[in-house]
Amino acid sequence: MMKILTVCGAGVGSSLMLKLYVQQVLDQEGIAGEVESTDIGSVSDMGVDIIITTTDLANTLRNTKAKVIALDNLTDKQLLRDKLLSAI
């Protein structure tokens, strides 16, 4: 099962919204995956396949083993869908 981590500065706003959007995409596409949200300070790439975050935070995550998806517009569901499906 794929593990996806959504990340924002505090772990309670943007990352939760992204978690819901990602889960919708996975459900619609019939893809099994576990989605969790967290803050930037708690990121661990052990067992994480994909990390989704803002463009501002993406550079701090470039050294992880996971694929990092950087988003400029967190409310653009189509962009998220396209980037996520491309990464899978």
PDB file of N, CA and C in Angstrom:
ATOM      1  N   MET A   1       0.845  -1.179   0.000  1.00  0.00           N
ATOM      2  CA  MET A   1       0.000   0.000   0.000  1.00  0.00           C
ATOM      3  C   MET A   1       0.891   1.244   0.000  1.00  0.00           C
ATOM      4  N   MET A   2       0.557   2.188  -0.832  1.00  0.00           N
ATOM      5  CA  MET A   2       1.305   3.418  -0.944  1.00  0.00           C
ATOM      6  C   MET A   2       1.062   4.307   0.277  1.00  0.00           C
ATOM      7  N   LYS A   3       2.121   4.976   0.745  1.00  0.00           N
ATOM      8  CA  LYS A   3       1.985   5.894   1.871  1.00  0.00           C
ATOM      9  C   LYS A   3       2.308   7.307   1.395  1.00  0.00           C
ATOM     10  N   ILE A   4       1.354   8.219   1.650  1.00  0.00           N
ATOM     11  CA  ILE A   4       1.485   9.605   1.213  1.00  0.00           C
ATOM     12  C   ILE A   4       1.405  10.505   2.429  1.00  0.00           C
ATOM     13  N   LEU A   5       2.298  11.490   2.485  1.00  0.00           N
ATOM     14  CA  LEU A   5       2.345  12.433   3.589  1.00  0.00           C
ATOM     15  C   LEU A   5       2.076  13.834   3.052  1.00  0.00           C
ATOM     16  N   THR A   6       1.112  14.537   3.644  1.00  0.00           N
ATOM     17  CA  THR A   6       0.866  15.931   3.284  1.00  0.00           C
ATOM     18  C   THR A   6       1.455  16.796   4.387  1.00  0.00           C
ATOM     19  N   VAL A   7       2.150  17.870   3.994  1.00  0.00           N
ATOM     20  CA  VAL A   7       2.944  18.642   4.946  1.00  0.00           C
ATOM     21  C   VAL A   7       2.678  20.135   4.797  1.00  0.00           C
ATOM     22  N   CYS A   8       2.515  20.803   5.954  1.00  0.00           N
ATOM     23  CA  CYS A   8       2.472  22.264   5.983  1.00  0.00           C
ATOM     24  C   CYS A   8       3.276  22.737   7.193  1.00  0.00           C
ATOM     25  N   GLY A   9       3.311  24.026   7.414  1.00  0.00           N
ATOM     26  CA  GLY A   9       4.121  24.579   8.489  1.00  0.00           C
ATOM     27  C   GLY A   9       3.730  24.099   9.870  1.00  0.00           C
ATOM     28  N   ALA A  10       2.442  24.093  10.169  1.00  0.00           N
ATOM     29  CA  ALA A  10       1.968  23.719  11.503  1.00  0.00           C
ATOM     30  C   ALA A  10       1.312  22.344  11.546  1.00  0.00           C
ATOM     31  N   GLY A  11       0.943  21.800  10.416  1.00  0.00           N
ATOM     32  CA  GLY A  11       0.339  20.474  10.369  1.00  0.00           C
ATOM     33  C   GLY A  11      -1.146  20.431  10.660  1.00  0.00           C
ATOM     34  N   VAL A  12      -1.793  21.595  10.700  1.00  0.00           N
ATOM     35  CA  VAL A  12      -3.219  21.602  11.041  1.00  0.00           C
ATOM     36  C   VAL A  12      -4.109  22.277  10.002  1.00  0.00           C
ATOM     37  N   GLY A  13      -3.555  22.987   9.073  1.00  0.00           N
ATOM     38  CA  GLY A  13      -4.385  23.705   8.107  1.00  0.00           C
ATOM     39  C   GLY A  13      -4.273  23.128   6.714  1.00  0.00           C
ATOM     40  N   SER A  14      -3.274  23.592   6.005  1.00  0.00           N
ATOM     41  CA  SER A  14      -3.094  23.186   4.612  1.00  0.00           C
ATOM     42  C   SER A  14      -2.890  21.691   4.462  1.00  0.00           C
ATOM     43  N   SER A  15      -2.150  21.096   5.371  1.00  0.00           N
ATOM     44  CA  SER A  15      -1.879  19.659   5.242  1.00  0.00           C
ATOM     45  C   SER A  15      -3.142  18.823   5.422  1.00  0.00           C
ATOM     46  N   LEU A  16      -4.045  19.262   6.285  1.00  0.00           N
ATOM     47  CA  LEU A  16      -5.312  18.535   6.451  1.00  0.00           C
ATOM     48  C   LEU A  16      -6.191  18.658   5.214  1.00  0.00           C
ATOM     49  N   MET A  17      -6.206  19.862   4.628  1.00  0.00           N
ATOM     50  CA  MET A  17      -6.967  20.077   3.402  1.00  0.00           C
ATOM     51  C   MET A  17      -6.396  19.203   2.276  1.00  0.00           C
ATOM     52  N   LEU A  18      -5.077  19.191   2.147  1.00  0.00           N
ATOM     53  CA  LEU A  18      -4.440  18.363   1.126  1.00  0.00           C
ATOM     54  C   LEU A  18      -4.716  16.883   1.355  1.00  0.00           C
ATOM     55  N   LYS A  19      -4.721  16.469   2.609  1.00  0.00           N
ATOM     56  CA  LYS A  19      -5.006  15.070   2.937  1.00  0.00           C
ATOM     57  C   LYS A  19      -6.376  14.665   2.398  1.00  0.00           C
ATOM     58  N   LEU A  20      -7.375  15.518   2.605  1.00  0.00           N
ATOM     59  CA  LEU A  20      -8.724  15.226   2.113  1.00  0.00           C
ATOM     60  C   LEU A  20      -8.753  15.156   0.593  1.00  0.00           C
ATOM     61  N   TYR A  21      -8.084  16.107  -0.067  1.00  0.00           N
ATOM     62  CA  TYR A  21      -8.043  16.120  -1.527  1.00  0.00           C
ATOM     63  C   TYR A  21      -7.349  14.868  -2.069  1.00  0.00           C
ATOM     64  N   VAL A  22      -6.228  14.502  -1.458  1.00  0.00           N
ATOM     65  CA  VAL A  22      -5.481  13.327  -1.912  1.00  0.00           C
ATOM     66  C   VAL A  22      -6.320  12.065  -1.741  1.00  0.00           C
ATOM     67  N   GLN A  23      -6.988  11.944  -0.616  1.00  0.00           N
ATOM     68  CA  GLN A  23      -7.818  10.765  -0.373  1.00  0.00           C
ATOM     69  C   GLN A  23      -8.944  10.674  -1.397  1.00  0.00           C
ATOM     70  N   GLN A  24      -9.506  11.825  -1.789  1.00  0.00           N
ATOM     71  CA  GLN A  24     -10.543  11.839  -2.821  1.00  0.00           C
ATOM     72  C   GLN A  24     -10.004  11.300  -4.143  1.00  0.00           C
ATOM     73  N   VAL A  25      -8.815  11.746  -4.518  1.00  0.00           N
ATOM     74  CA  VAL A  25      -8.214  11.286  -5.773  1.00  0.00           C
ATOM     75  C   VAL A  25      -7.968   9.781  -5.721  1.00  0.00           C
ATOM     76  N   LEU A  26      -7.400   9.310  -4.628  1.00  0.00           N
ATOM     77  CA  LEU A  26      -7.129   7.879  -4.500  1.00  0.00           C
ATOM     78  C   LEU A  26      -8.416   7.067  -4.581  1.00  0.00           C
ATOM     79  N   ASP A  27      -9.451   7.530  -3.885  1.00  0.00           N
ATOM     80  CA  ASP A  27     -10.736   6.831  -3.905  1.00  0.00           C
ATOM     81  C   ASP A  27     -11.339   6.807  -5.305  1.00  0.00           C
ATOM     82  N   GLN A  28     -11.300   7.949  -5.998  1.00  0.00           N
ATOM     83  CA  GLN A  28     -11.870   8.036  -7.335  1.00  0.00           C
ATOM     84  C   GLN A  28     -11.130   7.153  -8.332  1.00  0.00           C
ATOM     85  N   GLU A  29      -9.828   7.003  -8.137  1.00  0.00           N
ATOM     86  CA  GLU A  29      -9.013   6.215  -9.061  1.00  0.00           C
ATOM     87  C   GLU A  29      -8.885   4.753  -8.639  1.00  0.00           C
ATOM     88  N   GLY A  30      -9.427   4.414  -7.470  1.00  0.00           N
ATOM     89  CA  GLY A  30      -9.343   3.041  -6.988  1.00  0.00           C
ATOM     90  C   GLY A  30      -7.940   2.627  -6.573  1.00  0.00           C
ATOM     91  N   ILE A  31      -7.176   3.577  -6.074  1.00  0.00           N
ATOM     92  CA  ILE A  31      -5.796   3.323  -5.660  1.00  0.00           C
ATOM     93  C   ILE A  31      -5.748   3.177  -4.145  1.00  0.00           C
ATOM     94  N   ALA A  32      -5.159   2.090  -3.684  1.00  0.00           N
ATOM     95  CA  ALA A  32      -5.023   1.877  -2.240  1.00  0.00           C
ATOM     96  C   ALA A  32      -3.866   2.715  -1.719  1.00  0.00           C
ATOM     97  N   GLY A  33      -4.133   3.473  -0.676  1.00  0.00           N
ATOM     98  CA  GLY A  33      -3.083   4.298  -0.100  1.00  0.00           C
ATOM     99  C   GLY A  33      -3.450   4.798   1.270  1.00  0.00           C
ATOM    100  N   GLU A  34      -2.421   5.051   2.053  1.00  0.00           N
ATOM    101  CA  GLU A  34      -2.587   5.625   3.381  1.00  0.00           C
ATOM    102  C   GLU A  34      -2.109   7.066   3.306  1.00  0.00           C
ATOM    103  N   VAL A  35      -2.946   8.001   3.749  1.00  0.00           N
ATOM    104  CA  VAL A  35      -2.607   9.415   3.688  1.00  0.00           C
ATOM    105  C   VAL A  35      -2.586   9.976   5.103  1.00  0.00           C
ATOM    106  N   GLU A  36      -1.485  10.638   5.444  1.00  0.00           N
ATOM    107  CA  GLU A  36      -1.351  11.275   6.745  1.00  0.00           C
ATOM    108  C   GLU A  36      -0.918  12.715   6.542  1.00  0.00           C
ATOM    109  N   SER A  37      -1.264  13.565   7.509  1.00  0.00           N
ATOM    110  CA  SER A  37      -0.831  14.960   7.468  1.00  0.00           C
ATOM    111  C   SER A  37       0.073  15.233   8.658  1.00  0.00           C
ATOM    112  N   THR A  38       1.012  16.156   8.468  1.00  0.00           N
ATOM    113  CA  THR A  38       1.942  16.493   9.540  1.00  0.00           C
ATOM    114  C   THR A  38       2.540  17.873   9.312  1.00  0.00           C
ATOM    115  N   ASP A  39       3.299  18.342  10.303  1.00  0.00           N
ATOM    116  CA  ASP A  39       4.001  19.618  10.171  1.00  0.00           C
ATOM    117  C   ASP A  39       5.412  19.359   9.640  1.00  0.00           C
ATOM    118  N   ILE A  40       6.044  20.406   9.160  1.00  0.00           N
ATOM    119  CA  ILE A  40       7.350  20.284   8.513  1.00  0.00           C
ATOM    120  C   ILE A  40       8.416  19.743   9.465  1.00  0.00           C
ATOM    121  N   GLY A  41       8.311  20.045  10.748  1.00  0.00           N
ATOM    122  CA  GLY A  41       9.300  19.589  11.714  1.00  0.00           C
ATOM    123  C   GLY A  41       9.190  18.121  12.066  1.00  0.00           C
ATOM    124  N   SER A  42       8.079  17.502  11.742  1.00  0.00           N
ATOM    125  CA  SER A  42       7.849  16.098  12.099  1.00  0.00           C
ATOM    126  C   SER A  42       7.990  15.142  10.923  1.00  0.00           C
ATOM    127  N   VAL A  43       8.452  15.637   9.797  1.00  0.00           N
ATOM    128  CA  VAL A  43       8.534  14.810   8.594  1.00  0.00           C
ATOM    129  C   VAL A  43       9.600  13.733   8.756  1.00  0.00           C
ATOM    130  N   SER A  44       9.198  12.526   8.465  1.00  0.00           N
ATOM    131  CA  SER A  44      10.106  11.387   8.415  1.00  0.00           C
ATOM    132  C   SER A  44       9.780  10.636   7.135  1.00  0.00           C
ATOM    133  N   ASP A  45      10.795  10.343   6.339  1.00  0.00           N
ATOM    134  CA  ASP A  45      10.516   9.685   5.060  1.00  0.00           C
ATOM    135  C   ASP A  45      10.584   8.167   5.146  1.00  0.00           C
ATOM    136  N   MET A  46      10.729   7.629   6.330  1.00  0.00           N
ATOM    137  CA  MET A  46      10.761   6.173   6.469  1.00  0.00           C
ATOM    138  C   MET A  46       9.406   5.586   6.083  1.00  0.00           C
ATOM    139  N   GLY A  47       9.414   4.861   4.999  1.00  0.00           N
ATOM    140  CA  GLY A  47       8.187   4.224   4.560  1.00  0.00           C
ATOM    141  C   GLY A  47       7.238   5.122   3.799  1.00  0.00           C
ATOM    142  N   VAL A  48       7.605   6.373   3.583  1.00  0.00           N
ATOM    143  CA  VAL A  48       6.747   7.307   2.852  1.00  0.00           C
ATOM    144  C   VAL A  48       7.140   7.275   1.380  1.00  0.00           C
ATOM    145  N   ASP A  49       6.150   7.099   0.520  1.00  0.00           N
ATOM    146  CA  ASP A  49       6.410   7.060  -0.917  1.00  0.00           C
ATOM    147  C   ASP A  49       6.368   8.439  -1.555  1.00  0.00           C
ATOM    148  N   ILE A  50       5.391   9.260  -1.124  1.00  0.00           N
ATOM    149  CA  ILE A  50       5.186  10.583  -1.721  1.00  0.00           C
ATOM    150  C   ILE A  50       4.926  11.592  -0.610  1.00  0.00           C
ATOM    151  N   ILE A  51       5.557  12.764  -0.728  1.00  0.00           N
ATOM    152  CA  ILE A  51       5.291  13.883   0.174  1.00  0.00           C
ATOM    153  C   ILE A  51       4.715  15.007  -0.669  1.00  0.00           C
ATOM    154  N   ILE A  52       3.593  15.569  -0.221  1.00  0.00           N
ATOM    155  CA  ILE A  52       2.956  16.680  -0.928  1.00  0.00           C
ATOM    156  C   ILE A  52       2.978  17.890  -0.011  1.00  0.00           C
ATOM    157  N   THR A  53       3.466  19.021  -0.530  1.00  0.00           N
ATOM    158  CA  THR A  53       3.600  20.222   0.281  1.00  0.00           C
ATOM    159  C   THR A  53       3.564  21.464  -0.602  1.00  0.00           C
ATOM    160  N   THR A  54       3.764  22.608   0.017  1.00  0.00           N
ATOM    161  CA  THR A  54       3.815  23.869  -0.721  1.00  0.00           C
ATOM    162  C   THR A  54       5.184  24.025  -1.375  1.00  0.00           C
ATOM    163  N   THR A  55       5.251  24.866  -2.371  1.00  0.00           N
ATOM    164  CA  THR A  55       6.516  25.143  -3.041  1.00  0.00           C
ATOM    165  C   THR A  55       7.531  25.700  -2.053  1.00  0.00           C
ATOM    166  N   ASP A  56       7.075  26.536  -1.120  1.00  0.00           N
ATOM    167  CA  ASP A  56       7.972  27.140  -0.134  1.00  0.00           C
ATOM    168  C   ASP A  56       8.669  26.100   0.733  1.00  0.00           C
ATOM    169  N   LEU A  57       7.959  25.040   1.100  1.00  0.00           N
ATOM    170  CA  LEU A  57       8.521  24.025   1.991  1.00  0.00           C
ATOM    171  C   LEU A  57       9.209  22.887   1.243  1.00  0.00           C
ATOM    172  N   ALA A  58       8.973  22.775  -0.032  1.00  0.00           N
ATOM    173  CA  ALA A  58       9.486  21.636  -0.807  1.00  0.00           C
ATOM    174  C   ALA A  58      11.007  21.556  -0.796  1.00  0.00           C
ATOM    175  N   ASN A  59      11.679  22.689  -0.848  1.00  0.00           N
ATOM    176  CA  ASN A  59      13.143  22.666  -0.894  1.00  0.00           C
ATOM    177  C   ASN A  59      13.755  22.036   0.345  1.00  0.00           C
ATOM    178  N   THR A  60      13.101  22.167   1.491  1.00  0.00           N
ATOM    179  CA  THR A  60      13.631  21.574   2.718  1.00  0.00           C
ATOM    180  C   THR A  60      13.453  20.060   2.737  1.00  0.00           C
ATOM    181  N   LEU A  61      12.671  19.531   1.807  1.00  0.00           N
ATOM    182  CA  LEU A  61      12.388  18.096   1.769  1.00  0.00           C
ATOM    183  C   LEU A  61      13.077  17.380   0.608  1.00  0.00           C
ATOM    184  N   ARG A  62      13.898  18.072  -0.135  1.00  0.00           N
ATOM    185  CA  ARG A  62      14.521  17.494  -1.336  1.00  0.00           C
ATOM    186  C   ARG A  62      15.461  16.334  -1.030  1.00  0.00           C
ATOM    187  N   ASN A  63      15.992  16.255   0.176  1.00  0.00           N
ATOM    188  CA  ASN A  63      16.932  15.188   0.514  1.00  0.00           C
ATOM    189  C   ASN A  63      16.256  13.924   1.028  1.00  0.00           C
ATOM    190  N   THR A  64      14.946  13.900   1.024  1.00  0.00           N
ATOM    191  CA  THR A  64      14.239  12.700   1.459  1.00  0.00           C
ATOM    192  C   THR A  64      14.232  11.671   0.332  1.00  0.00           C
ATOM    193  N   LYS A  65      13.987  10.433   0.684  1.00  0.00           N
ATOM    194  CA  LYS A  65      13.918   9.367  -0.315  1.00  0.00           C
ATOM    195  C   LYS A  65      12.586   9.380  -1.057  1.00  0.00           C
ATOM    196  N   ALA A  66      11.587   9.996  -0.457  1.00  0.00           N
ATOM    197  CA  ALA A  66      10.248  10.043  -1.050  1.00  0.00           C
ATOM    198  C   ALA A  66      10.212  11.017  -2.226  1.00  0.00           C
ATOM    199  N   LYS A  67       9.271  10.788  -3.139  1.00  0.00           N
ATOM    200  CA  LYS A  67       9.013  11.762  -4.197  1.00  0.00           C
ATOM    201  C   LYS A  67       8.335  12.961  -3.551  1.00  0.00           C
ATOM    202  N   VAL A  68       8.768  14.166  -3.905  1.00  0.00           N
ATOM    203  CA  VAL A  68       8.189  15.380  -3.338  1.00  0.00           C
ATOM    204  C   VAL A  68       7.387  16.088  -4.421  1.00  0.00           C
ATOM    205  N   ILE A  69       6.119  16.338  -4.125  1.00  0.00           N
ATOM    206  CA  ILE A  69       5.246  17.095  -5.017  1.00  0.00           C
ATOM    207  C   ILE A  69       5.066  18.475  -4.408  1.00  0.00           C
ATOM    208  N   ALA A  70       5.477  19.503  -5.148  1.00  0.00           N
ATOM    209  CA  ALA A  70       5.355  20.882  -4.684  1.00  0.00           C
ATOM    210  C   ALA A  70       4.188  21.553  -5.396  1.00  0.00           C
ATOM    211  N   LEU A  71       3.338  22.206  -4.621  1.00  0.00           N
ATOM    212  CA  LEU A  71       2.162  22.879  -5.176  1.00  0.00           C
ATOM    213  C   LEU A  71       2.201  24.370  -4.874  1.00  0.00           C
ATOM    214  N   ASP A  72       1.973  25.181  -5.908  1.00  0.00           N
ATOM    215  CA  ASP A  72       1.861  26.630  -5.724  1.00  0.00           C
ATOM    216  C   ASP A  72       0.472  27.003  -5.242  1.00  0.00           C
ATOM    217  N   ASN A  73      -0.533  26.314  -5.760  1.00  0.00           N
ATOM    218  CA  ASN A  73      -1.923  26.617  -5.446  1.00  0.00           C
ATOM    219  C   ASN A  73      -2.562  25.388  -4.809  1.00  0.00           C
ATOM    220  N   LEU A  74      -2.758  25.432  -3.510  1.00  0.00           N
ATOM    221  CA  LEU A  74      -3.271  24.271  -2.782  1.00  0.00           C
ATOM    222  C   LEU A  74      -4.741  23.989  -3.044  1.00  0.00           C
ATOM    223  N   THR A  75      -5.453  24.932  -3.611  1.00  0.00           N
ATOM    224  CA  THR A  75      -6.876  24.727  -3.874  1.00  0.00           C
ATOM    225  C   THR A  75      -7.152  24.235  -5.297  1.00  0.00           C
ATOM    226  N   ASP A  76      -6.114  24.110  -6.103  1.00  0.00           N
ATOM    227  CA  ASP A  76      -6.266  23.629  -7.477  1.00  0.00           C
ATOM    228  C   ASP A  76      -6.279  22.097  -7.469  1.00  0.00           C
ATOM    229  N   LYS A  77      -7.471  21.536  -7.381  1.00  0.00           N
ATOM    230  CA  LYS A  77      -7.612  20.082  -7.274  1.00  0.00           C
ATOM    231  C   LYS A  77      -7.137  19.363  -8.536  1.00  0.00           C
ATOM    232  N   GLN A  78      -7.326  19.974  -9.691  1.00  0.00           N
ATOM    233  CA  GLN A  78      -6.896  19.332 -10.940  1.00  0.00           C
ATOM    234  C   GLN A  78      -5.378  19.240 -11.006  1.00  0.00           C
ATOM    235  N   LEU A  79      -4.692  20.292 -10.586  1.00  0.00           N
ATOM    236  CA  LEU A  79      -3.231  20.276 -10.558  1.00  0.00           C
ATOM    237  C   LEU A  79      -2.729  19.203  -9.597  1.00  0.00           C
ATOM    238  N   LEU A  80      -3.344  19.123  -8.433  1.00  0.00           N
ATOM    239  CA  LEU A  80      -2.978  18.096  -7.459  1.00  0.00           C
ATOM    240  C   LEU A  80      -3.190  16.706  -8.054  1.00  0.00           C
ATOM    241  N   ARG A  81      -4.343  16.494  -8.665  1.00  0.00           N
ATOM    242  CA  ARG A  81      -4.655  15.199  -9.286  1.00  0.00           C
ATOM    243  C   ARG A  81      -3.601  14.835 -10.332  1.00  0.00           C
ATOM    244  N   ASP A  82      -3.295  15.785 -11.217  1.00  0.00           N
ATOM    245  CA  ASP A  82      -2.337  15.532 -12.291  1.00  0.00           C
ATOM    246  C   ASP A  82      -0.956  15.174 -11.742  1.00  0.00           C
ATOM    247  N   LYS A  83      -0.481  15.961 -10.776  1.00  0.00           N
ATOM    248  CA  LYS A  83       0.853  15.718 -10.217  1.00  0.00           C
ATOM    249  C   LYS A  83       0.893  14.414  -9.418  1.00  0.00           C
ATOM    250  N   LEU A  84      -0.161  14.134  -8.684  1.00  0.00           N
ATOM    251  CA  LEU A  84      -0.201  12.914  -7.886  1.00  0.00           C
ATOM    252  C   LEU A  84      -0.217  11.676  -8.776  1.00  0.00           C
ATOM    253  N   LEU A  85      -1.085  11.665  -9.765  1.00  0.00           N
ATOM    254  CA  LEU A  85      -1.170  10.505 -10.658  1.00  0.00           C
ATOM    255  C   LEU A  85       0.113  10.322 -11.464  1.00  0.00           C
ATOM    256  N   SER A  86       0.773  11.420 -11.791  1.00  0.00           N
ATOM    257  CA  SER A  86       2.049  11.340 -12.491  1.00  0.00           C
ATOM    258  C   SER A  86       3.131  10.727 -11.597  1.00  0.00           C
ATOM    259  N   ALA A  87       3.082  11.040 -10.312  1.00  0.00           N
ATOM    260  CA  ALA A  87       4.083  10.527  -9.362  1.00  0.00           C
ATOM    261  C   ALA A  87       3.859   9.066  -9.019  1.00  0.00           C
ATOM    262  N   ILE A  88       2.612   8.637  -9.140  1.00  0.00           N
ATOM    263  CA  ILE A  88       2.290   7.246  -8.810  1.00  0.00           C
ATOM    264  C   ILE A  88       2.749   6.361  -9.947  1.00  0.00           C
TER     265      ILE A  88
END
